[in-house]
Amino acid sequence: MNPIQIATFYIQPNLWKVFFVHSVLVAQFSLQIAERLGLNQETKKFIEEAALLHDIGIGKVSMDKDNSQNKPPYIQHGLLGEEILQNLGYPLHAAVCRNHIGVGLTQEIILRNKLPLPAEDMCPSTLSEKIITYADLFFSKSNIYYKRSFPEVEAKIRSYAQEQLEKLRELHKQFGN
């Protein structure tokens, strides 16, 4: 698998810098965590690939608030990334795309917020998924070189899913510095 080659096929040139910088930063942070945890080379290789591709679905969604391009909403980038990677024969990488939003989206959160997503849990379950999900929270696509502090990540999660703070704190205990 060559994640960069795959991404160049699905990410438009105008999104490339944001996608690439964000994905590389998430991959680097994920690999730092994997190294600290003493994970094996095969797992670290998977984490690197999946982190580089976790946002591949942004190539199919609207990146602007007014949706002038008449594309699916941004919140669907995980599902669309899952579809891309499933079709390419990478089901484990696809699961990372699907489950990486926030600290995972529960059916309850999706229904309560009337999100345009299937009414089912989309939460990370494997260690690799959890590492990438956690790392992703620290890097924004709007300020691509900035790494959020943990209190900033907490505030972000609190703003849309107060009940997810405990899950975030559990991830922080497991993966934080």
N, C-alpha and C. Protein backbone atom coordinates (compact mmCIF):
# COMPACT_ATOMS: atom_id res chain seq x y z
N MET A 1 0.84 -1.18 0.00
CA MET A 1 0.00 0.00 0.00
C MET A 1 0.88 1.24 0.00
N ASN A 2 0.49 2.20 -0.81
CA ASN A 2 1.17 3.50 -0.83
C ASN A 2 0.12 4.57 -0.52
N PRO A 3 0.02 5.01 0.75
CA PRO A 3 -1.04 5.95 1.13
C PRO A 3 -0.99 7.27 0.37
N ILE A 4 0.19 7.76 0.08
CA ILE A 4 0.30 9.04 -0.63
C ILE A 4 -0.21 8.89 -2.06
N GLN A 5 0.14 7.81 -2.71
CA GLN A 5 -0.34 7.56 -4.07
C GLN A 5 -1.87 7.45 -4.08
N ILE A 6 -2.43 6.75 -3.11
CA ILE A 6 -3.89 6.63 -3.02
C ILE A 6 -4.51 8.01 -2.81
N ALA A 7 -3.96 8.77 -1.89
CA ALA A 7 -4.52 10.10 -1.57
C ALA A 7 -4.47 11.03 -2.77
N THR A 8 -3.40 10.98 -3.55
CA THR A 8 -3.30 11.91 -4.69
C THR A 8 -4.41 11.66 -5.71
N PHE A 9 -4.92 10.46 -5.74
CA PHE A 9 -6.02 10.15 -6.66
C PHE A 9 -7.36 10.73 -6.18
N TYR A 10 -7.54 10.85 -4.86
CA TYR A 10 -8.83 11.25 -4.30
C TYR A 10 -8.90 12.68 -3.75
N ILE A 11 -7.76 13.29 -3.53
CA ILE A 11 -7.75 14.64 -2.95
C ILE A 11 -7.43 15.66 -4.04
N GLN A 12 -8.30 16.66 -4.19
CA GLN A 12 -8.11 17.69 -5.21
C GLN A 12 -6.89 18.55 -4.87
N PRO A 13 -6.25 19.10 -5.89
CA PRO A 13 -5.06 19.92 -5.67
C PRO A 13 -5.28 21.08 -4.68
N ASN A 14 -6.46 21.68 -4.69
CA ASN A 14 -6.72 22.80 -3.78
C ASN A 14 -6.82 22.36 -2.31
N LEU A 15 -7.02 21.06 -2.04
CA LEU A 15 -7.09 20.54 -0.68
C LEU A 15 -5.81 19.81 -0.26
N TRP A 16 -4.91 19.62 -1.22
CA TRP A 16 -3.77 18.76 -0.96
C TRP A 16 -2.94 19.21 0.23
N LYS A 17 -2.56 20.48 0.31
CA LYS A 17 -1.68 20.94 1.39
C LYS A 17 -2.32 20.70 2.75
N VAL A 18 -3.58 21.09 2.89
CA VAL A 18 -4.29 20.91 4.17
C VAL A 18 -4.36 19.43 4.51
N PHE A 19 -4.79 18.62 3.56
CA PHE A 19 -4.89 17.17 3.79
C PHE A 19 -3.54 16.60 4.17
N PHE A 20 -2.52 16.90 3.38
CA PHE A 20 -1.21 16.28 3.57
C PHE A 20 -0.59 16.69 4.91
N VAL A 21 -0.54 17.98 5.21
CA VAL A 21 0.07 18.43 6.46
C VAL A 21 -0.68 17.85 7.65
N HIS A 22 -2.01 17.95 7.63
CA HIS A 22 -2.81 17.40 8.74
C HIS A 22 -2.53 15.91 8.92
N SER A 23 -2.58 15.17 7.84
CA SER A 23 -2.41 13.71 7.92
C SER A 23 -1.02 13.32 8.39
N VAL A 24 0.00 14.02 7.93
CA VAL A 24 1.36 13.72 8.36
C VAL A 24 1.52 14.01 9.85
N LEU A 25 0.97 15.13 10.32
CA LEU A 25 1.07 15.45 11.75
C LEU A 25 0.35 14.42 12.61
N VAL A 26 -0.83 13.99 12.16
CA VAL A 26 -1.57 12.96 12.90
C VAL A 26 -0.78 11.65 12.88
N ALA A 27 -0.20 11.31 11.74
CA ALA A 27 0.59 10.08 11.65
C ALA A 27 1.82 10.14 12.57
N GLN A 28 2.51 11.27 12.57
CA GLN A 28 3.70 11.40 13.42
C GLN A 28 3.34 11.26 14.90
N PHE A 29 2.27 11.94 15.32
CA PHE A 29 1.85 11.87 16.71
C PHE A 29 1.39 10.45 17.06
N SER A 30 0.65 9.82 16.16
CA SER A 30 0.20 8.45 16.37
C SER A 30 1.38 7.51 16.53
N LEU A 31 2.40 7.69 15.70
CA LEU A 31 3.59 6.83 15.78
C LEU A 31 4.39 7.08 17.06
N GLN A 32 4.40 8.30 17.55
CA GLN A 32 5.05 8.58 18.83
C GLN A 32 4.35 7.79 19.95
N ILE A 33 3.03 7.80 19.91
CA ILE A 33 2.26 7.04 20.91
C ILE A 33 2.55 5.55 20.77
N ALA A 34 2.51 5.05 19.53
CA ALA A 34 2.77 3.63 19.29
C ALA A 34 4.16 3.23 19.77
N GLU A 35 5.12 4.09 19.56
CA GLU A 35 6.49 3.82 20.02
C GLU A 35 6.54 3.77 21.54
N ARG A 36 5.90 4.73 22.20
CA ARG A 36 5.86 4.76 23.66
C ARG A 36 5.21 3.51 24.23
N LEU A 37 4.20 3.00 23.52
CA LEU A 37 3.50 1.79 23.97
C LEU A 37 4.25 0.51 23.62
N GLY A 38 5.31 0.64 22.85
CA GLY A 38 6.10 -0.54 22.48
C GLY A 38 5.42 -1.44 21.48
N LEU A 39 4.62 -0.88 20.58
CA LEU A 39 3.91 -1.69 19.60
C LEU A 39 4.87 -2.22 18.54
N ASN A 40 4.52 -3.35 17.95
CA ASN A 40 5.41 -3.98 16.97
C ASN A 40 5.42 -3.23 15.64
N GLN A 41 6.39 -3.57 14.78
CA GLN A 41 6.58 -2.87 13.50
C GLN A 41 5.34 -2.98 12.60
N GLU A 42 4.74 -4.14 12.56
CA GLU A 42 3.56 -4.34 11.70
C GLU A 42 2.43 -3.41 12.13
N THR A 43 2.20 -3.30 13.42
CA THR A 43 1.15 -2.42 13.93
C THR A 43 1.50 -0.96 13.64
N LYS A 44 2.76 -0.58 13.83
CA LYS A 44 3.17 0.79 13.55
C LYS A 44 3.02 1.12 12.07
N LYS A 45 3.31 0.17 11.20
CA LYS A 45 3.13 0.39 9.76
C LYS A 45 1.66 0.63 9.45
N PHE A 46 0.78 -0.19 10.02
CA PHE A 46 -0.65 0.01 9.82
C PHE A 46 -1.08 1.38 10.34
N ILE A 47 -0.64 1.75 11.53
CA ILE A 47 -1.02 3.04 12.12
C ILE A 47 -0.57 4.18 11.21
N GLU A 48 0.64 4.10 10.69
CA GLU A 48 1.11 5.15 9.79
C GLU A 48 0.23 5.25 8.54
N GLU A 49 -0.03 4.12 7.90
CA GLU A 49 -0.87 4.12 6.69
C GLU A 49 -2.27 4.66 6.98
N ALA A 50 -2.89 4.13 8.03
CA ALA A 50 -4.27 4.53 8.35
C ALA A 50 -4.35 5.98 8.76
N ALA A 51 -3.35 6.47 9.50
CA ALA A 51 -3.35 7.89 9.89
C ALA A 51 -3.19 8.78 8.67
N LEU A 52 -2.37 8.37 7.72
CA LEU A 52 -2.20 9.17 6.50
C LEU A 52 -3.47 9.20 5.65
N LEU A 53 -4.33 8.19 5.82
CA LEU A 53 -5.55 8.10 5.00
C LEU A 53 -6.84 8.38 5.77
N HIS A 54 -6.77 8.68 7.05
CA HIS A 54 -7.99 8.78 7.87
C HIS A 54 -8.96 9.83 7.36
N ASP A 55 -8.48 10.86 6.68
CA ASP A 55 -9.35 11.93 6.17
C ASP A 55 -9.50 11.91 4.65
N ILE A 56 -9.24 10.79 4.02
CA ILE A 56 -9.31 10.74 2.56
C ILE A 56 -10.70 11.12 2.04
N GLY A 57 -11.72 10.95 2.86
CA GLY A 57 -13.08 11.30 2.45
C GLY A 57 -13.32 12.79 2.26
N ILE A 58 -12.40 13.65 2.71
CA ILE A 58 -12.63 15.09 2.52
C ILE A 58 -12.64 15.47 1.05
N GLY A 59 -12.08 14.62 0.22
CA GLY A 59 -12.11 14.89 -1.21
C GLY A 59 -13.50 14.80 -1.82
N LYS A 60 -14.44 14.24 -1.08
CA LYS A 60 -15.80 14.06 -1.60
C LYS A 60 -16.85 14.93 -0.90
N VAL A 61 -16.42 15.76 0.06
CA VAL A 61 -17.39 16.54 0.84
C VAL A 61 -17.22 18.04 0.60
N SER A 62 -18.19 18.78 1.05
CA SER A 62 -18.11 20.24 1.00
C SER A 62 -17.22 20.72 2.13
N MET A 63 -16.27 21.54 1.80
CA MET A 63 -15.37 22.10 2.80
C MET A 63 -15.79 23.51 3.20
N ASP A 64 -16.86 24.03 2.55
CA ASP A 64 -17.33 25.38 2.91
C ASP A 64 -18.69 25.29 3.59
N LYS A 65 -18.95 26.25 4.47
CA LYS A 65 -20.18 26.22 5.28
C LYS A 65 -21.44 26.38 4.44
N ASP A 66 -21.37 27.12 3.35
CA ASP A 66 -22.57 27.34 2.54
C ASP A 66 -22.80 26.25 1.51
N ASN A 67 -21.89 25.28 1.43
CA ASN A 67 -22.01 24.14 0.52
C ASN A 67 -22.30 24.57 -0.91
N SER A 68 -21.54 25.52 -1.39
CA SER A 68 -21.74 26.03 -2.74
C SER A 68 -21.46 24.99 -3.81
N GLN A 69 -20.75 23.94 -3.46
CA GLN A 69 -20.43 22.89 -4.43
C GLN A 69 -21.48 21.78 -4.45
N ASN A 70 -22.48 21.88 -3.58
CA ASN A 70 -23.56 20.89 -3.51
C ASN A 70 -23.02 19.47 -3.34
N LYS A 71 -22.12 19.31 -2.38
CA LYS A 71 -21.53 18.01 -2.06
C LYS A 71 -22.07 17.57 -0.70
N PRO A 72 -21.82 16.32 -0.31
CA PRO A 72 -22.22 15.88 1.03
C PRO A 72 -21.57 16.76 2.10
N PRO A 73 -22.20 16.89 3.27
CA PRO A 73 -21.63 17.71 4.35
C PRO A 73 -20.34 17.10 4.90
N TYR A 74 -19.51 17.95 5.47
CA TYR A 74 -18.20 17.56 5.98
C TYR A 74 -18.28 16.38 6.96
N ILE A 75 -19.30 16.35 7.80
CA ILE A 75 -19.43 15.30 8.82
C ILE A 75 -19.43 13.90 8.19
N GLN A 76 -19.72 13.82 6.91
CA GLN A 76 -19.76 12.52 6.23
C GLN A 76 -18.41 12.07 5.67
N HIS A 77 -17.36 12.86 5.91
CA HIS A 77 -16.07 12.48 5.32
C HIS A 77 -15.56 11.14 5.84
N GLY A 78 -15.91 10.78 7.05
CA GLY A 78 -15.48 9.48 7.58
C GLY A 78 -16.13 8.33 6.84
N LEU A 79 -17.43 8.45 6.61
CA LEU A 79 -18.15 7.39 5.87
C LEU A 79 -17.67 7.30 4.43
N LEU A 80 -17.43 8.44 3.81
CA LEU A 80 -16.99 8.44 2.42
C LEU A 80 -15.57 7.90 2.30
N GLY A 81 -14.74 8.19 3.29
CA GLY A 81 -13.40 7.61 3.33
C GLY A 81 -13.47 6.10 3.52
N GLU A 82 -14.38 5.68 4.38
CA GLU A 82 -14.59 4.24 4.58
C GLU A 82 -14.95 3.57 3.25
N GLU A 83 -15.85 4.18 2.52
CA GLU A 83 -16.28 3.62 1.24
C GLU A 83 -15.09 3.50 0.26
N ILE A 84 -14.30 4.56 0.17
CA ILE A 84 -13.14 4.55 -0.73
C ILE A 84 -12.21 3.39 -0.38
N LEU A 85 -11.85 3.29 0.90
CA LEU A 85 -10.86 2.29 1.30
C LEU A 85 -11.43 0.87 1.28
N GLN A 86 -12.73 0.72 1.54
CA GLN A 86 -13.36 -0.61 1.39
C GLN A 86 -13.26 -1.04 -0.08
N ASN A 87 -13.59 -0.12 -0.98
CA ASN A 87 -13.56 -0.44 -2.41
C ASN A 87 -12.16 -0.78 -2.90
N LEU A 88 -11.15 -0.24 -2.23
CA LEU A 88 -9.76 -0.54 -2.60
C LEU A 88 -9.23 -1.80 -1.91
N GLY A 89 -10.07 -2.40 -1.04
CA GLY A 89 -9.68 -3.64 -0.38
C GLY A 89 -8.91 -3.46 0.92
N TYR A 90 -9.14 -2.34 1.61
CA TYR A 90 -8.47 -2.07 2.87
C TYR A 90 -9.49 -1.88 4.00
N PRO A 91 -10.15 -2.96 4.43
CA PRO A 91 -11.22 -2.81 5.42
C PRO A 91 -10.77 -2.29 6.78
N LEU A 92 -9.58 -2.62 7.22
CA LEU A 92 -9.12 -2.14 8.53
C LEU A 92 -8.81 -0.64 8.48
N HIS A 93 -8.24 -0.19 7.39
CA HIS A 93 -7.99 1.24 7.19
C HIS A 93 -9.33 1.98 7.07
N ALA A 94 -10.27 1.35 6.39
CA ALA A 94 -11.60 1.93 6.21
C ALA A 94 -12.29 2.15 7.56
N ALA A 95 -12.11 1.22 8.48
CA ALA A 95 -12.73 1.35 9.81
C ALA A 95 -12.19 2.57 10.55
N VAL A 96 -10.92 2.87 10.36
CA VAL A 96 -10.35 4.07 10.99
C VAL A 96 -11.06 5.31 10.46
N CYS A 97 -11.27 5.38 9.16
CA CYS A 97 -11.99 6.53 8.57
C CYS A 97 -13.36 6.68 9.22
N ARG A 98 -14.10 5.61 9.27
CA ARG A 98 -15.46 5.62 9.78
C ARG A 98 -15.54 6.04 11.25
N ASN A 99 -14.59 5.61 12.05
CA ASN A 99 -14.73 5.73 13.50
C ASN A 99 -13.90 6.83 14.15
N HIS A 100 -13.22 7.67 13.37
CA HIS A 100 -12.27 8.61 13.97
C HIS A 100 -12.84 9.98 14.35
N ILE A 101 -14.07 10.26 14.07
CA ILE A 101 -14.61 11.61 14.29
C ILE A 101 -14.87 11.86 15.78
N GLY A 102 -14.30 12.97 16.28
CA GLY A 102 -14.38 13.26 17.71
C GLY A 102 -13.65 12.17 18.46
N VAL A 103 -14.28 11.62 19.48
CA VAL A 103 -13.74 10.42 20.14
C VAL A 103 -14.59 9.23 19.75
N GLY A 104 -15.30 9.40 18.65
CA GLY A 104 -16.26 8.42 18.17
C GLY A 104 -17.65 9.01 18.34
N LEU A 105 -18.53 8.66 17.45
CA LEU A 105 -19.91 9.15 17.52
C LEU A 105 -20.83 8.00 17.90
N THR A 106 -21.59 8.20 18.96
CA THR A 106 -22.55 7.18 19.36
C THR A 106 -23.87 7.41 18.63
N GLN A 107 -24.69 6.39 18.60
CA GLN A 107 -26.01 6.51 18.00
C GLN A 107 -26.79 7.64 18.67
N GLU A 108 -26.67 7.74 19.97
CA GLU A 108 -27.38 8.78 20.71
C GLU A 108 -26.95 10.19 20.27
N ILE A 109 -25.67 10.41 20.11
CA ILE A 109 -25.17 11.72 19.66
C ILE A 109 -25.66 12.02 18.25
N ILE A 110 -25.60 11.03 17.39
CA ILE A 110 -26.05 11.21 16.00
C ILE A 110 -27.52 11.59 15.96
N LEU A 111 -28.36 10.88 16.72
CA LEU A 111 -29.79 11.16 16.72
C LEU A 111 -30.10 12.50 17.38
N ARG A 112 -29.50 12.77 18.54
CA ARG A 112 -29.77 14.01 19.27
C ARG A 112 -29.39 15.25 18.46
N ASN A 113 -28.29 15.16 17.73
CA ASN A 113 -27.82 16.29 16.96
C ASN A 113 -28.32 16.29 15.51
N LYS A 114 -29.16 15.30 15.21
CA LYS A 114 -29.72 15.16 13.86
C LYS A 114 -28.63 15.21 12.79
N LEU A 115 -27.56 14.47 13.05
CA LEU A 115 -26.45 14.43 12.12
C LEU A 115 -26.83 13.59 10.90
N PRO A 116 -26.39 14.00 9.72
CA PRO A 116 -26.71 13.25 8.50
C PRO A 116 -25.81 12.01 8.35
N LEU A 117 -25.98 11.12 9.31
CA LEU A 117 -25.21 9.88 9.37
C LEU A 117 -26.14 8.74 9.75
N PRO A 118 -25.75 7.50 9.48
CA PRO A 118 -26.57 6.39 9.93
C PRO A 118 -26.70 6.41 11.46
N ALA A 119 -27.84 6.04 11.96
CA ALA A 119 -28.10 6.05 13.41
C ALA A 119 -27.50 4.79 14.03
N GLU A 120 -26.19 4.79 14.15
CA GLU A 120 -25.47 3.67 14.73
C GLU A 120 -24.16 4.17 15.32
N ASP A 121 -23.60 3.39 16.20
CA ASP A 121 -22.33 3.78 16.80
C ASP A 121 -21.21 3.74 15.77
N MET A 122 -20.40 4.78 15.79
CA MET A 122 -19.20 4.86 14.94
C MET A 122 -18.05 5.26 15.85
N CYS A 123 -17.61 4.30 16.65
CA CYS A 123 -16.60 4.56 17.68
C CYS A 123 -15.39 3.67 17.46
N PRO A 124 -14.21 4.19 17.74
CA PRO A 124 -13.01 3.37 17.59
C PRO A 124 -13.04 2.19 18.56
N SER A 125 -12.65 1.02 18.07
CA SER A 125 -12.67 -0.16 18.94
C SER A 125 -11.29 -0.78 19.11
N THR A 126 -10.46 -0.72 18.09
CA THR A 126 -9.13 -1.32 18.22
C THR A 126 -8.15 -0.31 18.80
N LEU A 127 -7.04 -0.79 19.30
CA LEU A 127 -6.01 0.09 19.84
C LEU A 127 -5.52 1.07 18.76
N SER A 128 -5.30 0.57 17.56
CA SER A 128 -4.83 1.45 16.47
C SER A 128 -5.85 2.54 16.16
N GLU A 129 -7.13 2.17 16.08
CA GLU A 129 -8.18 3.18 15.83
C GLU A 129 -8.19 4.23 16.93
N LYS A 130 -8.07 3.78 18.17
CA LYS A 130 -8.10 4.71 19.30
C LYS A 130 -6.90 5.66 19.27
N ILE A 131 -5.73 5.16 18.93
CA ILE A 131 -4.54 6.01 18.86
C ILE A 131 -4.73 7.09 17.80
N ILE A 132 -5.16 6.71 16.62
CA ILE A 132 -5.33 7.68 15.52
C ILE A 132 -6.44 8.67 15.85
N THR A 133 -7.53 8.20 16.42
CA THR A 133 -8.63 9.09 16.82
C THR A 133 -8.13 10.12 17.83
N TYR A 134 -7.40 9.67 18.81
CA TYR A 134 -6.85 10.57 19.84
C TYR A 134 -5.90 11.59 19.20
N ALA A 135 -4.95 11.12 18.39
CA ALA A 135 -3.98 12.01 17.76
C ALA A 135 -4.66 13.05 16.88
N ASP A 136 -5.69 12.65 16.17
CA ASP A 136 -6.40 13.55 15.25
C ASP A 136 -7.00 14.75 15.98
N LEU A 137 -7.41 14.57 17.22
CA LEU A 137 -8.03 15.65 17.98
C LEU A 137 -7.11 16.84 18.20
N PHE A 138 -5.82 16.63 18.11
CA PHE A 138 -4.85 17.68 18.42
C PHE A 138 -4.52 18.57 17.22
N PHE A 139 -4.97 18.18 16.03
CA PHE A 139 -4.60 18.92 14.82
C PHE A 139 -5.84 19.29 14.02
N SER A 140 -5.96 20.56 13.73
CA SER A 140 -7.09 21.09 12.98
C SER A 140 -6.72 21.20 11.50
N LYS A 141 -7.71 21.22 10.66
CA LYS A 141 -7.46 21.48 9.25
C LYS A 141 -7.57 22.98 8.94
N SER A 142 -8.01 23.76 9.90
CA SER A 142 -8.12 25.21 9.67
C SER A 142 -6.86 25.96 10.10
N ASN A 143 -6.09 25.40 11.01
CA ASN A 143 -4.83 26.00 11.45
C ASN A 143 -3.82 24.85 11.46
N ILE A 144 -3.36 24.47 10.28
CA ILE A 144 -2.75 23.16 10.08
C ILE A 144 -1.45 22.91 10.83
N TYR A 145 -0.71 23.94 11.17
CA TYR A 145 0.57 23.70 11.85
C TYR A 145 0.46 23.80 13.37
N TYR A 146 -0.70 24.10 13.87
CA TYR A 146 -0.89 24.30 15.30
C TYR A 146 -1.31 23.00 15.97
N LYS A 147 -0.65 22.67 17.07
CA LYS A 147 -1.05 21.51 17.86
C LYS A 147 -1.80 22.02 19.09
N ARG A 148 -3.05 21.56 19.22
CA ARG A 148 -3.86 21.95 20.37
C ARG A 148 -3.29 21.37 21.66
N SER A 149 -3.53 22.06 22.75
CA SER A 149 -3.21 21.51 24.07
C SER A 149 -4.35 20.58 24.48
N PHE A 150 -4.11 19.75 25.49
CA PHE A 150 -5.19 18.88 25.95
C PHE A 150 -6.39 19.68 26.46
N PRO A 151 -6.22 20.79 27.22
CA PRO A 151 -7.39 21.58 27.61
C PRO A 151 -8.18 22.12 26.40
N GLU A 152 -7.49 22.44 25.32
CA GLU A 152 -8.20 22.90 24.10
C GLU A 152 -8.98 21.74 23.48
N VAL A 153 -8.42 20.56 23.49
CA VAL A 153 -9.13 19.39 22.97
C VAL A 153 -10.36 19.11 23.84
N GLU A 154 -10.20 19.20 25.16
CA GLU A 154 -11.35 19.01 26.06
C GLU A 154 -12.46 20.01 25.75
N ALA A 155 -12.10 21.25 25.54
CA ALA A 155 -13.10 22.29 25.25
C ALA A 155 -13.83 21.99 23.95
N LYS A 156 -13.10 21.51 22.96
CA LYS A 156 -13.72 21.17 21.68
C LYS A 156 -14.73 20.04 21.86
N ILE A 157 -14.35 18.99 22.55
CA ILE A 157 -15.25 17.86 22.79
C ILE A 157 -16.45 18.31 23.62
N ARG A 158 -16.22 19.09 24.65
CA ARG A 158 -17.30 19.60 25.52
C ARG A 158 -18.32 20.39 24.71
N SER A 159 -17.88 21.09 23.67
CA SER A 159 -18.78 21.96 22.90
C SER A 159 -19.83 21.18 22.12
N TYR A 160 -19.56 19.91 21.79
CA TYR A 160 -20.57 19.17 21.04
C TYR A 160 -21.02 17.87 21.70
N ALA A 161 -20.29 17.38 22.67
CA ALA A 161 -20.68 16.11 23.27
C ALA A 161 -20.11 16.00 24.68
N GLN A 162 -20.72 16.71 25.59
CA GLN A 162 -20.28 16.74 27.00
C GLN A 162 -20.06 15.33 27.55
N GLU A 163 -20.96 14.41 27.20
CA GLU A 163 -20.86 13.05 27.75
C GLU A 163 -19.66 12.28 27.20
N GLN A 164 -19.00 12.82 26.18
CA GLN A 164 -17.83 12.15 25.62
C GLN A 164 -16.53 12.53 26.33
N LEU A 165 -16.61 13.47 27.27
CA LEU A 165 -15.40 13.90 27.98
C LEU A 165 -14.72 12.76 28.72
N GLU A 166 -15.50 11.89 29.32
CA GLU A 166 -14.90 10.78 30.05
C GLU A 166 -14.14 9.85 29.11
N LYS A 167 -14.70 9.60 27.94
CA LYS A 167 -14.02 8.77 26.94
C LYS A 167 -12.70 9.45 26.51
N LEU A 168 -12.74 10.76 26.32
CA LEU A 168 -11.53 11.51 25.97
C LEU A 168 -10.48 11.39 27.08
N ARG A 169 -10.92 11.56 28.31
CA ARG A 169 -9.98 11.49 29.43
C ARG A 169 -9.37 10.09 29.58
N GLU A 170 -10.16 9.06 29.27
CA GLU A 170 -9.62 7.70 29.29
C GLU A 170 -8.54 7.54 28.22
N LEU A 171 -8.80 8.07 27.03
CA LEU A 171 -7.79 8.02 25.97
C LEU A 171 -6.54 8.78 26.38
N HIS A 172 -6.73 9.91 27.03
CA HIS A 172 -5.58 10.73 27.47
C HIS A 172 -4.75 9.99 28.52
N LYS A 173 -5.41 9.30 29.42
CA LYS A 173 -4.67 8.51 30.42
C LYS A 173 -3.84 7.42 29.74
N GLN A 174 -4.41 6.84 28.70
CA GLN A 174 -3.75 5.76 28.01
C GLN A 174 -2.63 6.25 27.07
N PHE A 175 -2.84 7.41 26.42
CA PHE A 175 -1.92 7.84 25.35
C PHE A 175 -1.22 9.16 25.60
N GLY A 176 -1.70 9.96 26.55
CA GLY A 176 -1.12 11.29 26.77
C GLY A 176 0.28 11.23 27.32
N ASN A 177 0.92 12.39 27.28
CA ASN A 177 2.32 12.46 27.77
C ASN A 177 2.37 12.37 29.26
